[in-house]
Amino acid sequence: MQNTNLFLAFDFGAESSRAVCGQLKNKKLSLREIYRFNTGMLALNGHFYWNIYRFYEEMLKALTICTQKENLHPGSLALDSWGVDFGFLAEDDSLVRIPYAYRDHQVTKAMPDFHNIIGPERIYSLTGISMQPFNSLYHLHAMNLNNDLALKSGKRLMFIPDLLNFLLSGEKKTEFSFATTSQLYNPFKGAWEDDLLASVGLDSSYMNEIVAPGKITGMLKEDLCRQTGLKQANLTSVCSHDTGSAIVAVPAKGKDWAYISSGTWSLMGIETPLPIVSEKALLYNFSNEGGAEGTFRFLKNIMGLWLLQQCQKKWAASGADFDYPALIEQAGKAQPFKTFIDPDYEMFFNPSDMPAEIDNFCNLHSLEKPGTQGEYVRLILESLALKYRHVLEQLTEISGKEINIIHIIGGGTRNRLLCQFTANATGKKVIAGPAEGTAAGNILMQAVAHGKAGSLEDVREIVRSSFDFEYYLPAETAKWDRAYKNFLKILVI
């Protein structure tokens, strides 16, 4: 029987993805992972893509496991993913080509070229979105420069969650939080921005209706119900940009907090009722991304654990047998503050050899290179923590907000060394958890849509009562203060 208190979240990450069932009972949420699979970019003919058809197959497999193995029949499904990426549907609703991945190399030169057409000040005033080469706007410009077939033949632009929802339900809609990541949406008008669309050869006819998170948007196709054994289920809009869903699940009280959504990327920011668009916000390259209940996430992208993931991947390819816990243990024993990197150095975006690129950065700045794997990992974690301090100072300067607590959510909460370093570097109390914040936020917005939960404040009360959290207090702050002065000397920007 269909369970109206049971919800299924598909949480797509750039490295791995999962299907998580959530049950809400007596104002407490319990989570159960049903299925996990690798995501990963597809390298083909010099480009990087997302194999959207494989993702669709993985979703159907998860639904089949849910019903036939776990005997669970959720009444609602919803999905979230990383931001900005998209594909195009043709006139007959077929996909013109699988979508490019945001780390595809064609985006590298597109942003500065586009700024010759429309300057960053004008773009920021229209969108409030930071200048990042992987933004949808610049990827569309790169495709335009390359006379890309998908751009020329496509009739409907569909972001990654839109495509997957379309395959499941046939509906064509774009959720608010995801729309804002594209740099094609004007939050002041509450609509797609015609001037920016025209600059890449599109108009509003290519774009979907924008829906708010927390709404029922469609039904799972009947043939997919039969194929997977699932009773009929609603498709629900949640914050389909994964960071948006994660911030829903921040267990915060009051106003004196900031967050770090910690995973492949670190997204650090504050929650605001309106976008913050100022000269300083543009100078420091902050974004205003949409959230639940019409809020905005004033945040900055930081490269995050991608640096560690890519080092581990390179070491594994050479035969080294170290998993993340072993690497973190080595880092804990390595020499503190031996050297630093700027995590957001552009050459770290998608190198073929991350350890070698870190060495190149050290050579460029006449720094001592790491000598062991533990030293590489410690360098990455210390540098991330110090970058968090730098961004926290910028957040405080721009917003004027007093910040006393940093909430860390997402997979990075399992990295206790990084959590402690963050407290040490910033001098702030750190509250870590939930680790599955994105899935929890996804599921709780489904609950809102189905009348099982109320306001965002109510949702966060459910989070506080449902999960355990770890607390980190600052230590050795004088040493970290000295390290921060040295770190500032090597910042690229």
Protein backbone atom coordinates (compact mmCIF):
# COMPACT_ATOMS: atom_id res chain seq x y z
CA MET A 1 0.00 0.00 0.00
CA GLN A 2 1.17 3.53 -0.79
CA ASN A 3 2.48 5.22 2.36
CA THR A 4 1.70 8.93 2.54
CA ASN A 5 4.27 9.41 5.33
CA LEU A 6 7.04 7.77 3.28
CA PHE A 7 9.10 9.80 0.82
CA LEU A 8 11.91 8.92 -1.58
CA ALA A 9 14.75 11.33 -2.35
CA PHE A 10 17.08 10.93 -5.30
CA ASP A 11 20.19 12.89 -4.33
CA PHE A 12 22.56 13.19 -7.29
CA GLY A 13 26.15 14.18 -6.60
CA ALA A 14 28.94 14.71 -9.07
CA GLU A 15 30.88 11.76 -7.65
CA SER A 16 28.14 9.48 -6.29
CA SER A 17 24.37 9.44 -6.00
CA ARG A 18 21.85 7.73 -3.74
CA ALA A 19 18.21 6.94 -3.26
CA VAL A 20 17.10 7.55 0.33
CA CYS A 21 13.72 6.75 1.87
CA GLY A 22 12.50 8.97 4.64
CA GLN A 23 9.63 8.37 7.02
CA LEU A 24 8.13 11.14 9.11
CA LYS A 25 6.46 9.95 12.30
CA ASN A 26 5.65 11.95 15.43
CA LYS A 27 7.65 14.90 14.10
CA LYS A 28 10.79 12.78 13.74
CA LEU A 29 12.47 11.87 10.47
CA SER A 30 14.19 8.54 9.92
CA LEU A 31 16.31 7.93 6.84
CA ARG A 32 17.15 4.68 5.10
CA GLU A 33 19.51 4.47 2.15
CA ILE A 34 18.02 2.18 -0.49
CA TYR A 35 20.61 2.31 -3.22
CA ARG A 36 23.86 4.08 -4.04
CA PHE A 37 25.68 4.31 -7.34
CA ASN A 38 28.62 6.10 -8.89
CA THR A 39 27.79 9.16 -10.95
CA GLY A 40 31.00 10.44 -12.51
CA MET A 41 31.60 12.28 -15.74
CA LEU A 42 31.79 10.45 -19.05
CA ALA A 43 34.96 11.38 -20.98
CA LEU A 44 34.33 11.09 -24.72
CA ASN A 45 36.11 12.63 -27.72
CA GLY A 46 37.76 15.38 -25.72
CA HIS A 47 34.64 16.42 -23.79
CA PHE A 48 33.07 15.58 -20.43
CA TYR A 49 29.39 14.60 -20.31
CA TRP A 50 26.70 13.35 -17.92
CA ASN A 51 25.26 10.05 -19.11
CA ILE A 52 21.68 11.00 -18.28
CA TYR A 53 20.26 7.75 -19.64
CA ARG A 54 22.36 5.71 -17.22
CA PHE A 55 21.15 7.92 -14.38
CA TYR A 56 17.56 7.20 -15.47
CA GLU A 57 18.26 3.47 -15.44
CA GLU A 58 19.78 3.75 -11.96
CA MET A 59 16.65 5.54 -10.75
CA LEU A 60 14.43 2.75 -12.06
CA LYS A 61 16.70 0.19 -10.41
CA ALA A 62 16.39 2.06 -7.12
CA LEU A 63 12.60 2.13 -7.40
CA THR A 64 12.56 -1.61 -8.10
CA ILE A 65 14.77 -2.30 -5.07
CA CYS A 66 12.54 -0.09 -2.97
CA THR A 67 9.37 -2.00 -3.80
CA GLN A 68 10.51 -5.57 -4.45
CA LYS A 69 13.37 -5.95 -1.98
CA GLU A 70 12.51 -3.45 0.74
CA ASN A 71 8.70 -3.62 0.35
CA LEU A 72 8.46 0.15 0.58
CA HIS A 73 5.95 2.19 -1.42
CA PRO A 74 6.61 5.91 -0.97
CA GLY A 75 3.81 8.27 -1.89
CA SER A 76 6.16 10.92 -3.23
CA LEU A 77 9.45 11.14 -5.15
CA ALA A 78 11.76 14.11 -5.65
CA LEU A 79 15.30 14.69 -6.85
CA ASP A 80 18.11 17.16 -6.47
CA SER A 81 21.49 17.48 -8.16
CA TRP A 82 24.51 19.74 -8.57
CA GLY A 83 23.74 23.04 -10.29
CA VAL A 84 24.03 24.72 -13.70
CA ASP A 85 24.15 21.75 -16.12
CA PHE A 86 21.55 21.28 -18.82
CA GLY A 87 20.56 19.56 -22.06
CA PHE A 88 18.16 20.34 -24.88
CA LEU A 89 15.01 18.64 -26.06
CA ALA A 90 14.18 18.65 -29.76
CA GLU A 91 10.77 19.45 -31.20
CA ASP A 92 9.66 15.84 -30.68
CA ASP A 93 10.83 15.86 -27.02
CA SER A 94 13.85 13.65 -27.70
CA LEU A 95 17.14 14.62 -26.10
CA VAL A 96 19.41 16.21 -28.69
CA ARG A 97 22.57 14.99 -26.93
CA ILE A 98 23.56 13.98 -23.41
CA PRO A 99 24.50 17.10 -21.41
CA TYR A 100 27.98 18.51 -21.09
CA ALA A 101 29.44 18.40 -17.59
CA TYR A 102 30.31 21.71 -15.95
CA ARG A 103 33.98 20.71 -15.80
CA ASP A 104 34.15 20.36 -19.58
CA HIS A 105 37.16 22.30 -20.85
CA GLN A 106 35.25 24.35 -23.42
CA VAL A 107 34.01 26.65 -20.64
CA THR A 108 37.53 27.84 -19.75
CA LYS A 109 37.66 30.84 -22.10
CA ALA A 110 33.96 31.49 -22.53
CA MET A 111 33.44 33.73 -19.48
CA PRO A 112 36.04 36.42 -20.30
CA ASP A 113 34.89 36.37 -23.92
CA PHE A 114 31.27 36.87 -22.90
CA HIS A 115 32.24 39.78 -20.65
CA ASN A 116 33.24 41.62 -23.83
CA ILE A 117 29.55 41.45 -24.79
CA ILE A 118 27.94 42.12 -21.42
CA GLY A 119 30.11 43.22 -18.52
CA PRO A 120 30.14 41.50 -15.12
CA GLU A 121 28.63 44.55 -13.39
CA ARG A 122 25.55 44.38 -15.63
CA ILE A 123 25.26 40.59 -15.28
CA TYR A 124 25.48 40.82 -11.50
CA SER A 125 22.89 43.58 -11.31
CA LEU A 126 20.48 41.38 -13.29
CA THR A 127 21.10 38.03 -11.57
CA GLY A 128 23.08 38.43 -8.33
CA ILE A 129 25.08 35.35 -9.35
CA SER A 130 28.87 35.17 -9.03
CA MET A 131 31.15 35.04 -12.03
CA GLN A 132 32.01 31.34 -12.39
CA PRO A 133 33.19 29.87 -15.72
CA PHE A 134 30.91 26.84 -15.30
CA ASN A 135 27.67 28.86 -15.02
CA SER A 136 24.97 27.91 -17.53
CA LEU A 137 25.23 31.34 -19.17
CA TYR A 138 28.89 30.88 -20.07
CA HIS A 139 28.47 27.27 -21.15
CA LEU A 140 25.72 28.39 -23.53
CA HIS A 141 28.09 31.05 -24.85
CA ALA A 142 30.80 28.42 -25.38
CA MET A 143 28.33 26.27 -27.31
CA ASN A 144 27.32 29.30 -29.36
CA LEU A 145 30.95 30.03 -30.23
CA ASN A 146 31.39 26.40 -31.31
CA ASN A 147 28.19 26.30 -33.41
CA ASP A 148 27.06 23.43 -31.23
CA LEU A 149 24.41 21.18 -32.76
CA ALA A 150 22.45 20.80 -29.52
CA LEU A 151 22.12 24.57 -29.17
CA LYS A 152 21.15 24.99 -32.82
CA SER A 153 18.66 22.11 -32.90
CA GLY A 154 17.25 22.28 -29.38
CA LYS A 155 13.83 23.73 -28.67
CA ARG A 156 13.62 23.43 -24.89
CA LEU A 157 16.43 23.94 -22.35
CA MET A 158 16.20 21.35 -19.57
CA PHE A 159 18.43 21.37 -16.50
CA ILE A 160 19.58 18.04 -15.06
CA PRO A 161 16.67 17.72 -12.56
CA ASP A 162 14.24 18.86 -15.28
CA LEU A 163 15.43 16.10 -17.61
CA LEU A 164 15.18 13.38 -15.00
CA ASN A 165 11.75 14.58 -13.84
CA PHE A 166 10.64 14.67 -17.47
CA LEU A 167 11.74 11.07 -18.01
CA LEU A 168 9.80 10.01 -14.91
CA SER A 169 6.64 12.07 -15.36
CA GLY A 170 6.58 13.82 -18.73
CA GLU A 171 6.39 17.22 -16.99
CA LYS A 172 8.53 20.16 -18.13
CA LYS A 173 9.21 22.46 -15.21
CA THR A 174 12.21 24.14 -13.56
CA GLU A 175 12.37 24.59 -9.81
CA PHE A 176 13.21 28.04 -8.38
CA SER A 177 16.48 27.23 -6.57
CA PHE A 178 17.95 25.57 -9.65
CA ALA A 179 16.83 28.37 -11.96
CA THR A 180 18.82 30.86 -9.93
CA THR A 181 22.09 28.91 -10.35
CA SER A 182 21.99 29.30 -14.13
CA GLN A 183 22.75 33.03 -14.25
CA LEU A 184 19.78 33.27 -16.62
CA TYR A 185 17.20 34.17 -13.95
CA ASN A 186 16.43 37.65 -12.65
CA PRO A 187 15.39 37.45 -8.95
CA PHE A 188 14.25 41.06 -8.96
CA LYS A 189 11.75 40.38 -11.76
CA GLY A 190 11.04 36.83 -10.63
CA ALA A 191 11.48 35.63 -14.22
CA TRP A 192 13.99 34.50 -16.82
CA GLU A 193 16.17 37.40 -17.96
CA ASP A 194 15.43 38.16 -21.62
CA ASP A 195 18.60 40.20 -22.26
CA LEU A 196 20.88 37.36 -21.16
CA LEU A 197 18.90 34.72 -23.04
CA ALA A 198 19.08 36.83 -26.21
CA SER A 199 22.86 37.17 -25.80
CA VAL A 200 23.23 33.40 -26.33
CA GLY A 201 20.62 33.13 -29.09
CA LEU A 202 17.67 32.02 -26.95
CA ASP A 203 14.41 33.51 -25.71
CA SER A 204 11.85 32.65 -23.04
CA SER A 205 10.15 30.08 -25.29
CA TYR A 206 13.13 27.79 -24.67
CA MET A 207 12.63 27.94 -20.90
CA ASN A 208 10.30 26.10 -18.55
CA GLU A 209 7.74 27.42 -16.12
CA ILE A 210 9.43 28.05 -12.76
CA VAL A 211 7.88 26.33 -9.74
CA ALA A 212 8.55 26.86 -6.04
CA PRO A 213 9.91 24.06 -3.85
CA GLY A 214 7.30 22.26 -1.79
CA LYS A 215 4.74 21.70 -4.58
CA ILE A 216 3.28 18.57 -6.17
CA THR A 217 4.18 18.81 -9.87
CA GLY A 218 3.13 15.53 -11.49
CA MET A 219 2.74 11.78 -11.23
CA LEU A 220 5.09 8.90 -11.96
CA LYS A 221 4.24 7.46 -15.39
CA GLU A 222 1.94 4.45 -15.28
CA ASP A 223 4.30 2.26 -17.31
CA LEU A 224 7.13 3.00 -14.84
CA CYS A 225 4.85 2.05 -11.94
CA ARG A 226 4.19 -1.28 -13.62
CA GLN A 227 7.85 -1.78 -14.48
CA THR A 228 9.14 -1.07 -10.95
CA GLY A 229 6.21 -2.35 -8.92
CA LEU A 230 5.65 1.01 -7.28
CA LYS A 231 2.15 2.16 -6.42
CA GLN A 232 1.31 5.47 -8.02
CA ALA A 233 3.47 8.24 -6.58
CA ASN A 234 3.56 12.01 -6.85
CA LEU A 235 6.53 13.87 -8.30
CA THR A 236 7.27 16.76 -5.98
CA SER A 237 9.35 19.90 -6.40
CA VAL A 238 11.97 20.39 -3.70
CA CYS A 239 15.07 22.59 -3.75
CA SER A 240 16.44 20.70 -6.73
CA HIS A 241 19.82 22.37 -6.42
CA ASP A 242 21.44 20.09 -3.85
CA THR A 243 22.84 22.94 -1.78
CA GLY A 244 19.34 24.38 -1.49
CA SER A 245 18.04 21.09 -0.11
CA ALA A 246 21.01 20.84 2.26
CA ILE A 247 20.34 24.29 3.71
CA VAL A 248 16.73 23.32 4.41
CA ALA A 249 18.17 20.74 6.83
CA VAL A 250 20.48 23.12 8.73
CA PRO A 251 19.49 22.59 12.40
CA ALA A 252 19.84 26.28 13.16
CA LYS A 253 18.18 28.51 15.74
CA GLY A 254 18.26 32.28 15.77
CA LYS A 255 20.10 34.42 13.22
CA ASP A 256 23.79 34.36 14.24
CA TRP A 257 24.89 31.44 12.07
CA ALA A 258 26.55 30.64 8.79
CA TYR A 259 26.69 27.32 6.99
CA ILE A 260 29.14 25.23 5.01
CA SER A 261 27.62 22.60 2.76
CA SER A 262 30.67 20.35 2.61
CA GLY A 263 31.25 17.82 -0.15
CA THR A 264 32.90 17.91 -3.56
CA TRP A 265 32.33 21.66 -3.28
CA SER A 266 32.22 23.73 -0.11
CA LEU A 267 29.39 26.25 -0.28
CA MET A 268 29.72 28.77 2.54
CA GLY A 269 27.18 31.45 3.26
CA ILE A 270 24.23 32.87 5.15
CA GLU A 271 20.48 32.81 4.62
CA THR A 272 18.86 36.12 3.62
CA PRO A 273 15.32 37.26 2.81
CA LEU A 274 16.47 39.17 -0.30
CA PRO A 275 19.51 39.10 -2.62
CA ILE A 276 22.53 41.14 -1.57
CA VAL A 277 23.87 42.90 -4.66
CA SER A 278 26.61 45.44 -4.02
CA GLU A 279 30.03 46.43 -5.31
CA LYS A 280 31.69 44.47 -2.51
CA ALA A 281 29.52 41.38 -3.14
CA LEU A 282 30.59 41.45 -6.80
CA LEU A 283 34.22 42.16 -5.94
CA TYR A 284 34.31 39.18 -3.57
CA ASN A 285 32.32 37.09 -6.07
CA PHE A 286 29.38 36.03 -3.90
CA SER A 287 26.21 34.44 -5.26
CA ASN A 288 22.56 34.87 -4.37
CA GLU A 289 20.93 31.49 -4.94
CA GLY A 290 17.29 30.72 -4.28
CA GLY A 291 16.11 28.65 -1.34
CA ALA A 292 12.99 27.43 0.43
CA GLU A 293 10.17 29.85 1.22
CA GLY A 294 11.61 32.42 -1.19
CA THR A 295 14.80 32.88 0.83
CA PHE A 296 18.22 33.37 -0.72
CA ARG A 297 21.53 31.75 0.01
CA PHE A 298 24.21 34.44 -0.04
CA LEU A 299 27.22 32.24 -0.50
CA LYS A 300 30.59 31.63 -2.04
CA ASN A 301 31.78 28.55 -3.92
CA ILE A 302 34.99 27.05 -2.55
CA MET A 303 36.66 24.15 -4.33
CA GLY A 304 36.07 21.76 -1.41
CA LEU A 305 36.89 18.08 -1.05
CA TRP A 306 37.28 17.75 -4.83
CA LEU A 307 40.97 18.42 -4.14
CA LEU A 308 41.22 15.39 -1.86
CA GLN A 309 39.01 13.21 -4.07
CA GLN A 310 41.22 13.83 -7.07
CA CYS A 311 44.43 13.17 -5.13
CA GLN A 312 43.02 9.90 -3.82
CA LYS A 313 41.93 8.96 -7.35
CA LYS A 314 45.44 9.57 -8.70
CA TRP A 315 47.09 7.62 -5.88
CA ALA A 316 44.66 4.72 -6.33
CA ALA A 317 45.45 4.62 -10.07
CA SER A 318 49.15 4.20 -9.21
CA GLY A 319 48.44 1.22 -6.97
CA ALA A 320 48.35 2.92 -3.56
CA ASP A 321 45.74 1.32 -1.32
CA PHE A 322 44.58 4.14 0.95
CA ASP A 323 40.94 4.92 1.66
CA TYR A 324 39.78 8.24 3.08
CA PRO A 325 39.97 7.26 6.78
CA ALA A 326 43.55 6.08 6.33
CA LEU A 327 44.48 9.30 4.52
CA ILE A 328 42.88 11.43 7.24
CA GLU A 329 44.76 9.47 9.90
CA GLN A 330 48.03 10.16 8.09
CA ALA A 331 47.13 13.85 7.81
CA GLY A 332 46.54 14.05 11.54
CA LYS A 333 50.10 12.89 12.14
CA ALA A 334 51.69 15.15 9.49
CA GLN A 335 53.56 18.37 10.25
CA PRO A 336 51.17 21.29 10.81
CA PHE A 337 51.26 24.41 8.62
CA LYS A 338 54.08 23.17 6.42
CA THR A 339 52.67 24.96 3.38
CA PHE A 340 49.37 26.19 1.93
CA ILE A 341 47.48 26.41 -1.33
CA ASP A 342 44.61 28.57 -2.49
CA PRO A 343 41.87 25.93 -2.95
CA ASP A 344 40.26 28.05 -5.67
CA TYR A 345 43.31 28.32 -7.90
CA GLU A 346 41.93 27.89 -11.43
CA MET A 347 44.28 25.01 -12.35
CA PHE A 348 42.68 22.86 -9.63
CA PHE A 349 39.33 22.92 -11.46
CA ASN A 350 39.83 19.71 -13.48
CA PRO A 351 43.50 18.67 -13.77
CA SER A 352 44.60 15.26 -14.96
CA ASP A 353 46.97 14.96 -11.97
CA MET A 354 45.92 16.85 -8.81
CA PRO A 355 49.07 16.10 -6.73
CA ALA A 356 51.23 17.35 -9.60
CA GLU A 357 49.11 20.49 -9.88
CA ILE A 358 49.53 21.12 -6.16
CA ASP A 359 53.30 20.78 -6.67
CA ASN A 360 53.09 23.30 -9.52
CA PHE A 361 51.29 25.77 -7.25
CA CYS A 362 54.00 25.35 -4.62
CA ASN A 363 56.71 25.91 -7.22
CA LEU A 364 54.91 29.01 -8.52
CA HIS A 365 54.86 30.54 -5.04
CA SER A 366 58.29 29.26 -3.92
CA LEU A 367 56.73 27.04 -1.26
CA GLU A 368 57.93 23.72 0.11
CA LYS A 369 56.12 20.85 -1.60
CA PRO A 370 54.43 18.08 0.40
CA GLY A 371 56.57 14.97 0.73
CA THR A 372 54.01 12.32 1.74
CA GLN A 373 50.36 11.56 1.10
CA GLY A 374 49.57 12.63 4.65
CA GLU A 375 51.21 16.00 4.02
CA TYR A 376 49.16 16.53 0.85
CA VAL A 377 45.97 15.78 2.74
CA ARG A 378 46.89 18.02 5.68
CA LEU A 379 47.80 20.82 3.28
CA ILE A 380 44.37 20.51 1.64
CA LEU A 381 42.42 20.43 4.91
CA GLU A 382 44.35 23.28 6.52
CA SER A 383 44.02 25.39 3.37
CA LEU A 384 40.27 24.75 3.19
CA ALA A 385 39.82 25.75 6.85
CA LEU A 386 41.82 28.94 6.34
CA LYS A 387 39.82 29.74 3.20
CA TYR A 388 36.65 29.35 5.27
CA ARG A 389 38.00 32.00 7.65
CA HIS A 390 38.70 34.32 4.74
CA VAL A 391 35.18 33.88 3.35
CA LEU A 392 33.67 34.31 6.82
CA GLU A 393 35.41 37.66 7.15
CA GLN A 394 34.03 38.72 3.75
CA LEU A 395 30.52 37.56 4.72
CA THR A 396 30.64 39.61 7.90
CA GLU A 397 31.99 42.67 6.10
CA ILE A 398 29.32 42.62 3.39
CA SER A 399 26.29 41.66 5.47
CA GLY A 400 27.14 43.31 8.78
CA LYS A 401 25.80 40.16 10.41
CA GLU A 402 27.25 38.80 13.64
CA ILE A 403 28.16 35.14 13.15
CA ASN A 404 28.90 32.99 16.18
CA ILE A 405 28.13 29.48 14.93
CA ILE A 406 29.08 27.62 11.76
CA HIS A 407 26.86 24.71 10.77
CA ILE A 408 28.62 22.11 8.60
CA ILE A 409 26.30 19.76 6.74
CA GLY A 410 26.81 17.06 4.14
CA GLY A 411 29.38 14.34 3.65
CA GLY A 412 32.22 16.55 4.85
CA THR A 413 30.86 16.26 8.40
CA ARG A 414 32.43 12.79 8.50
CA ASN A 415 35.85 14.41 8.13
CA ARG A 416 36.33 15.25 11.80
CA LEU A 417 39.80 16.66 11.22
CA LEU A 418 38.44 19.25 8.77
CA CYS A 419 35.60 20.12 11.16
CA GLN A 420 38.06 20.73 14.01
CA PHE A 421 40.37 22.71 11.72
CA THR A 422 37.38 24.87 10.73
CA ALA A 423 36.64 25.70 14.37
CA ASN A 424 40.34 26.42 15.01
CA ALA A 425 40.79 28.62 11.95
CA THR A 426 37.60 30.66 12.32
CA GLY A 427 37.48 30.83 16.11
CA LYS A 428 33.80 29.86 15.94
CA LYS A 429 31.81 26.99 17.41
CA VAL A 430 31.14 24.38 14.75
CA ILE A 431 28.07 22.15 14.75
CA ALA A 432 28.42 19.24 12.32
CA GLY A 433 25.46 17.32 10.93
CA PRO A 434 23.39 15.89 9.52
CA ALA A 435 25.73 14.10 7.11
CA GLU A 436 22.77 13.30 4.84
CA GLY A 437 21.55 16.88 5.00
CA THR A 438 20.68 17.09 1.32
CA ALA A 439 18.50 13.97 1.40
CA ALA A 440 16.88 15.15 4.64
CA GLY A 441 16.11 18.58 3.19
CA ASN A 442 14.75 16.99 0.02
CA ILE A 443 12.44 14.68 1.99
CA LEU A 444 11.24 17.37 4.38
CA MET A 445 10.23 19.66 1.51
CA GLN A 446 8.26 16.75 0.11
CA ALA A 447 6.59 16.51 3.51
CA VAL A 448 5.74 20.22 3.30
CA ALA A 449 4.14 19.71 -0.13
CA HIS A 450 1.98 16.90 1.24
CA GLY A 451 0.90 18.77 4.36
CA LYS A 452 3.00 16.65 6.75
CA ALA A 453 5.28 19.52 7.79
CA GLY A 454 4.81 23.27 8.05
CA SER A 455 7.17 26.22 7.81
CA LEU A 456 10.94 26.19 7.33
CA GLU A 457 11.24 26.85 11.06
CA ASP A 458 9.11 23.76 11.74
CA VAL A 459 11.24 21.71 9.36
CA ARG A 460 14.43 22.68 11.20
CA GLU A 461 12.85 21.73 14.50
CA ILE A 462 12.23 18.26 13.01
CA VAL A 463 15.90 18.10 11.99
CA ARG A 464 17.05 19.04 15.50
CA SER A 465 14.91 16.32 17.05
CA SER A 466 15.82 13.64 14.48
CA PHE A 467 19.61 13.60 14.23
CA ASP A 468 22.72 13.56 16.41
CA PHE A 469 25.28 16.32 15.96
CA GLU A 470 28.95 16.76 16.76
CA TYR A 471 30.28 19.93 18.35
CA TYR A 472 33.73 21.43 17.84
CA LEU A 473 35.20 24.29 19.87
CA PRO A 474 38.18 26.38 18.73
CA ALA A 475 41.62 25.26 19.90
CA GLU A 476 45.19 26.50 19.34
CA THR A 477 43.78 29.72 17.91
CA ALA A 478 47.06 31.66 18.29
CA LYS A 479 48.83 29.16 16.01
CA TRP A 480 45.99 29.35 13.48
CA ASP A 481 46.08 33.17 13.58
CA ARG A 482 49.77 33.07 12.63
CA ALA A 483 49.08 30.52 9.91
CA TYR A 484 46.30 32.72 8.51
CA LYS A 485 48.70 35.62 8.01
CA ASN A 486 50.94 33.34 5.92
CA PHE A 487 47.94 31.93 4.05
CA LEU A 488 46.81 35.40 2.97
CA LYS A 489 50.13 35.90 1.18
CA ILE A 490 49.43 33.10 -1.32
CA LEU A 491 45.79 33.79 -2.10
CA VAL A 492 45.33 34.15 -5.84
CA ILE A 493 42.43 36.59 -5.36
